[in-house]
C-alpha atoms as a PDB file:
ATOM      1  CA  MET A   1      15.900 -87.387  10.523  1.00  0.00           C
ATOM      2  CA  GLU A   2      14.463 -84.628   8.801  1.00  0.00           C
ATOM      3  CA  LYS A   3      13.908 -82.668  11.901  1.00  0.00           C
ATOM      4  CA  ARG A   4      17.086 -82.777  13.208  1.00  0.00           C
ATOM      5  CA  VAL A   5      18.307 -81.332   9.557  1.00  0.00           C
ATOM      6  CA  LEU A   6      16.206 -78.551   9.860  1.00  0.00           C
ATOM      7  CA  VAL A   7      17.369 -78.320  13.807  1.00  0.00           C
ATOM      8  CA  PHE A   8      20.718 -77.571  12.175  1.00  0.00           C
ATOM      9  CA  ALA A   9      19.506 -75.224   9.404  1.00  0.00           C
ATOM     10  CA  ALA A  10      17.841 -73.171  11.339  1.00  0.00           C
ATOM     11  CA  LEU A  11      20.396 -73.135  14.153  1.00  0.00           C
ATOM     12  CA  ALA A  12      23.025 -72.444  11.379  1.00  0.00           C
ATOM     13  CA  GLU A  13      20.813 -69.227  10.001  1.00  0.00           C
ATOM     14  CA  VAL A  14      20.122 -68.087  13.242  1.00  0.00           C
ATOM     15  CA  LEU A  15      23.940 -68.059  14.812  1.00  0.00           C
ATOM     16  CA  THR A  16      24.925 -66.530  10.869  1.00  0.00           C
ATOM     17  CA  GLY A  17      22.618 -63.974  11.639  1.00  0.00           C
ATOM     18  CA  ALA A  18      23.732 -63.235  14.838  1.00  0.00           C
ATOM     19  CA  VAL A  19      27.345 -62.489  13.959  1.00  0.00           C
ATOM     20  CA  LEU A  20      26.038 -60.278  11.595  1.00  0.00           C
ATOM     21  CA  LEU A  21      24.176 -58.013  13.857  1.00  0.00           C
ATOM     22  CA  LEU A  22      26.735 -58.004  16.389  1.00  0.00           C
ATOM     23  CA  TYR A  23      29.936 -57.951  14.484  1.00  0.00           C
ATOM     24  CA  PRO A  24      29.566 -57.449  10.317  1.00  0.00           C
ATOM     25  CA  PRO A  25      33.051 -56.762   9.552  1.00  0.00           C
ATOM     26  CA  ILE A  26      33.996 -60.311  10.349  1.00  0.00           C
ATOM     27  CA  VAL A  27      31.421 -62.111   7.695  1.00  0.00           C
ATOM     28  CA  ALA A  28      32.592 -59.343   4.436  1.00  0.00           C
ATOM     29  CA  LYS A  29      36.210 -60.593   5.353  1.00  0.00           C
ATOM     30  CA  LEU A  30      35.616 -64.515   5.582  1.00  0.00           C
ATOM     31  CA  LEU A  31      33.126 -64.525   2.604  1.00  0.00           C
ATOM     32  CA  PHE A  32      34.637 -61.714   0.293  1.00  0.00           C
ATOM     33  CA  GLY A  33      37.881 -61.149   2.009  1.00  0.00           C
ATOM     34  CA  ALA A  34      37.211 -57.313   2.119  1.00  0.00           C
ATOM     35  CA  ASP A  35      35.888 -54.366   4.945  1.00  0.00           C
ATOM     36  CA  SER A  36      32.840 -52.826   4.920  1.00  0.00           C
ATOM     37  CA  ALA A  37      32.245 -49.786   5.879  1.00  0.00           C
ATOM     38  CA  GLY A  38      29.677 -47.268   6.054  1.00  0.00           C
ATOM     39  CA  VAL A  39      26.130 -48.223   4.379  1.00  0.00           C
ATOM     40  CA  GLY A  40      27.543 -52.108   4.051  1.00  0.00           C
ATOM     41  CA  LEU A  41      27.496 -52.342   7.870  1.00  0.00           C
ATOM     42  CA  VAL A  42      23.989 -51.269   8.170  1.00  0.00           C
ATOM     43  CA  LEU A  43      22.516 -53.467   5.316  1.00  0.00           C
ATOM     44  CA  SER A  44      24.618 -56.220   6.995  1.00  0.00           C
ATOM     45  CA  ARG A  45      22.890 -56.066  10.301  1.00  0.00           C
ATOM     46  CA  VAL A  46      19.777 -55.592   8.138  1.00  0.00           C
ATOM     47  CA  ALA A  47      20.655 -59.169   6.179  1.00  0.00           C
ATOM     48  CA  GLY A  48      21.305 -60.248  10.001  1.00  0.00           C
ATOM     49  CA  ILE A  49      17.969 -59.605  11.217  1.00  0.00           C
ATOM     50  CA  ALA A  50      16.791 -61.067   8.147  1.00  0.00           C
ATOM     51  CA  LEU A  51      18.915 -64.320   8.718  1.00  0.00           C
ATOM     52  CA  ILE A  52      17.513 -64.685  12.180  1.00  0.00           C
ATOM     53  CA  ALA A  53      14.033 -64.210  11.329  1.00  0.00           C
ATOM     54  CA  LEU A  54      14.235 -67.060   8.820  1.00  0.00           C
ATOM     55  CA  GLY A  55      15.807 -69.531  11.296  1.00  0.00           C
ATOM     56  CA  VAL A  56      13.262 -68.730  13.208  1.00  0.00           C
ATOM     57  CA  ALA A  57      10.390 -69.616  10.798  1.00  0.00           C
ATOM     58  CA  CYS A  58      12.222 -72.612   9.760  1.00  0.00           C
ATOM     59  CA  TRP A  59      12.034 -73.986  13.316  1.00  0.00           C
ATOM     60  CA  PRO A  60      10.717 -77.672  12.656  1.00  0.00           C
ATOM     61  CA  TYR A  61       8.179 -77.313  16.005  1.00  0.00           C
ATOM     62  CA  GLY A  62       5.006 -75.092  16.257  1.00  0.00           C
ATOM     63  CA  ALA A  63       4.339 -75.353  12.331  1.00  0.00           C
ATOM     64  CA  ALA A  64       1.242 -73.758  12.751  1.00  0.00           C
ATOM     65  CA  SER A  65       2.689 -70.435  13.891  1.00  0.00           C
ATOM     66  CA  ARG A  66       6.093 -70.406  12.392  1.00  0.00           C
ATOM     67  CA  ALA A  67       5.558 -67.967   9.338  1.00  0.00           C
ATOM     68  CA  LEU A  68       3.800 -65.650  12.066  1.00  0.00           C
ATOM     69  CA  CYS A  69       6.623 -66.173  14.589  1.00  0.00           C
ATOM     70  CA  GLY A  70       9.295 -65.613  11.393  1.00  0.00           C
ATOM     71  CA  MET A  71       7.683 -62.087  10.521  1.00  0.00           C
ATOM     72  CA  LEU A  72       7.107 -60.816  14.012  1.00  0.00           C
ATOM     73  CA  THR A  73      10.827 -61.650  14.352  1.00  0.00           C
ATOM     74  CA  TYR A  74      11.903 -59.758  11.418  1.00  0.00           C
ATOM     75  CA  SER A  75       9.368 -57.109  12.572  1.00  0.00           C
ATOM     76  CA  SER A  76      10.475 -56.132  15.782  1.00  0.00           C
ATOM     77  CA  LEU A  77      14.125 -56.441  15.074  1.00  0.00           C
ATOM     78  CA  ALA A  78      14.140 -54.018  12.013  1.00  0.00           C
ATOM     79  CA  THR A  79      12.414 -51.383  14.105  1.00  0.00           C
ATOM     80  CA  LEU A  80      14.757 -51.990  16.874  1.00  0.00           C
ATOM     81  CA  GLY A  81      17.580 -51.696  14.587  1.00  0.00           C
ATOM     82  CA  LEU A  82      16.357 -48.918  12.920  1.00  0.00           C
ATOM     83  CA  LEU A  83      15.669 -46.976  15.855  1.00  0.00           C
END
């Protein structure tokens, strides 16, 4: 039962992060009822990258390397995003 909850939470984090990364205005509109522009879009994308990395780190299988995979995911996506 616990693994199912962790899988659901990890998938929810990854999906939310992907939406933030690909189309940040929809999340800002749904959560806050406001539009985001300029720096808000960049920060939303960085938050999306962080949520994807959190989802990877929370995945319940392969416990030995979860933290490493989460950090590598964040570092590589953040580098690509800032390029």
